[in-house]
Amino acid sequence: MWLLMRLEYIILIILAVCFYFTNVNDYRKDKNREIFVNDNLKVSSKVITKSGIIGYVAKINKNEVILITGDVDNTSTITIEKSYIDNILE
C-alpha cells in the first residue's frame, strides 16, 4: 500500500517538474523572440503578426507600427502595437 502511494506521488512530482520546465522554456523562447524583433525591426522589414497578418513595415513610432498589406492592386495599411509583431521574415 505504501509503495503504491509513493509511486503516485513520484509520478505527480515528475509531471509537475516537466510542466514547469516546459512553461519556463516557452516563456524564455518568446522573450528572446521579442527582444530580437525590437532590436532588428526597421522600415521595409517583412513581418508576421501574432494573428497571422503578413506585411511590410511602413513607419515605426514609439509603440506602434504601420504595416502595408495586400497585393499590388489592392494594398491597405494597418496600425498595430509593436508587441503584436511575432517575427521578422526578411
Protein backbone atom coordinates (compact mmCIF):
# COMPACT_ATOMS: atom_id res chain seq x y z
CA MET A 1 0.00 0.00 0.00
CA TRP A 2 2.76 2.45 0.93
CA LEU A 3 4.66 1.60 -2.20
CA LEU A 4 1.68 2.47 -4.37
CA MET A 5 1.18 5.84 -2.64
CA ARG A 6 4.85 6.67 -3.00
CA LEU A 7 4.75 5.77 -6.68
CA GLU A 8 1.74 8.03 -7.25
CA TYR A 9 3.47 10.94 -5.54
CA ILE A 10 6.65 10.37 -7.52
CA ILE A 11 4.68 10.41 -10.77
CA LEU A 12 2.90 13.62 -9.74
CA ILE A 13 6.18 15.29 -8.84
CA ILE A 14 7.75 14.26 -12.16
CA LEU A 15 4.75 15.61 -14.08
CA ALA A 16 4.87 18.90 -12.14
CA VAL A 17 8.59 19.32 -12.85
CA CYS A 18 8.10 18.58 -16.58
CA PHE A 19 5.20 21.04 -16.75
CA TYR A 20 7.27 23.73 -15.02
CA PHE A 21 10.28 23.36 -17.32
CA THR A 22 8.08 23.30 -20.41
CA ASN A 23 6.44 26.58 -19.41
CA VAL A 24 9.73 28.24 -18.48
CA ASN A 25 11.29 27.19 -21.80
CA ASP A 26 8.34 28.58 -23.80
CA TYR A 27 8.45 31.86 -21.86
CA ARG A 28 12.20 32.19 -22.43
CA LYS A 29 11.81 31.50 -26.17
CA ASP A 30 9.03 34.11 -26.50
CA LYS A 31 11.08 36.67 -24.58
CA ASN A 32 14.13 36.10 -26.81
CA ARG A 33 11.99 36.48 -29.95
CA GLU A 34 10.51 39.72 -28.60
CA ILE A 35 13.98 41.12 -27.92
CA PHE A 36 15.12 40.09 -31.42
CA VAL A 37 12.13 41.83 -33.03
CA ASN A 38 12.64 45.02 -31.02
CA ASP A 39 16.34 45.16 -31.88
CA ASN A 40 16.04 44.37 -35.60
CA LEU A 41 12.74 45.95 -36.66
CA LYS A 42 13.20 48.59 -39.35
CA VAL A 43 11.22 50.20 -42.16
CA SER A 44 10.65 47.84 -45.12
CA SER A 45 11.03 44.71 -42.97
CA LYS A 46 8.64 41.90 -43.84
CA VAL A 47 6.91 40.80 -40.63
CA ILE A 48 4.19 38.46 -39.43
CA THR A 49 1.85 39.41 -36.61
CA LYS A 50 0.63 37.12 -33.85
CA SER A 51 -2.71 36.88 -35.66
CA GLY A 52 -1.02 35.78 -38.91
CA ILE A 53 -1.09 39.01 -40.94
CA ILE A 54 1.95 39.38 -43.18
CA GLY A 55 3.05 42.83 -44.27
CA TYR A 56 5.86 45.32 -44.73
CA VAL A 57 6.72 47.96 -42.13
CA ALA A 58 5.98 51.44 -43.46
CA LYS A 59 6.57 53.52 -40.33
CA ILE A 60 7.72 52.89 -36.77
CA ASN A 61 6.53 55.06 -33.91
CA LYS A 62 7.34 54.61 -30.23
CA ASN A 63 4.86 51.78 -29.56
CA GLU A 64 3.07 51.49 -32.90
CA VAL A 65 3.96 50.13 -36.31
CA ILE A 66 2.18 50.89 -39.59
CA LEU A 67 2.05 47.85 -41.89
CA ILE A 68 1.31 47.73 -45.61
CA THR A 69 -0.51 44.54 -46.56
CA GLY A 70 -2.18 43.17 -49.66
CA ASP A 71 -1.07 42.80 -53.26
CA VAL A 72 -0.02 45.35 -55.87
CA ASP A 73 -3.56 46.25 -56.95
CA ASN A 74 -5.19 46.26 -53.53
CA THR A 75 -2.99 47.49 -50.69
CA SER A 76 -4.10 48.54 -47.25
CA THR A 77 -2.39 49.93 -44.18
CA ILE A 78 -2.99 48.88 -40.62
CA THR A 79 -1.63 50.26 -37.38
CA ILE A 80 -0.68 47.75 -34.71
CA GLU A 81 1.28 47.78 -31.48
CA LYS A 82 4.91 46.68 -31.63
CA SER A 83 4.22 43.87 -29.18
CA TYR A 84 1.85 42.19 -31.66
CA ILE A 85 4.65 41.53 -34.16
CA ASP A 86 5.57 37.86 -33.86
CA ASN A 87 8.60 37.55 -36.10
CA ILE A 88 10.64 39.25 -38.83
CA LEU A 89 10.53 37.25 -42.06
CA GLU A 90 13.04 39.22 -44.17
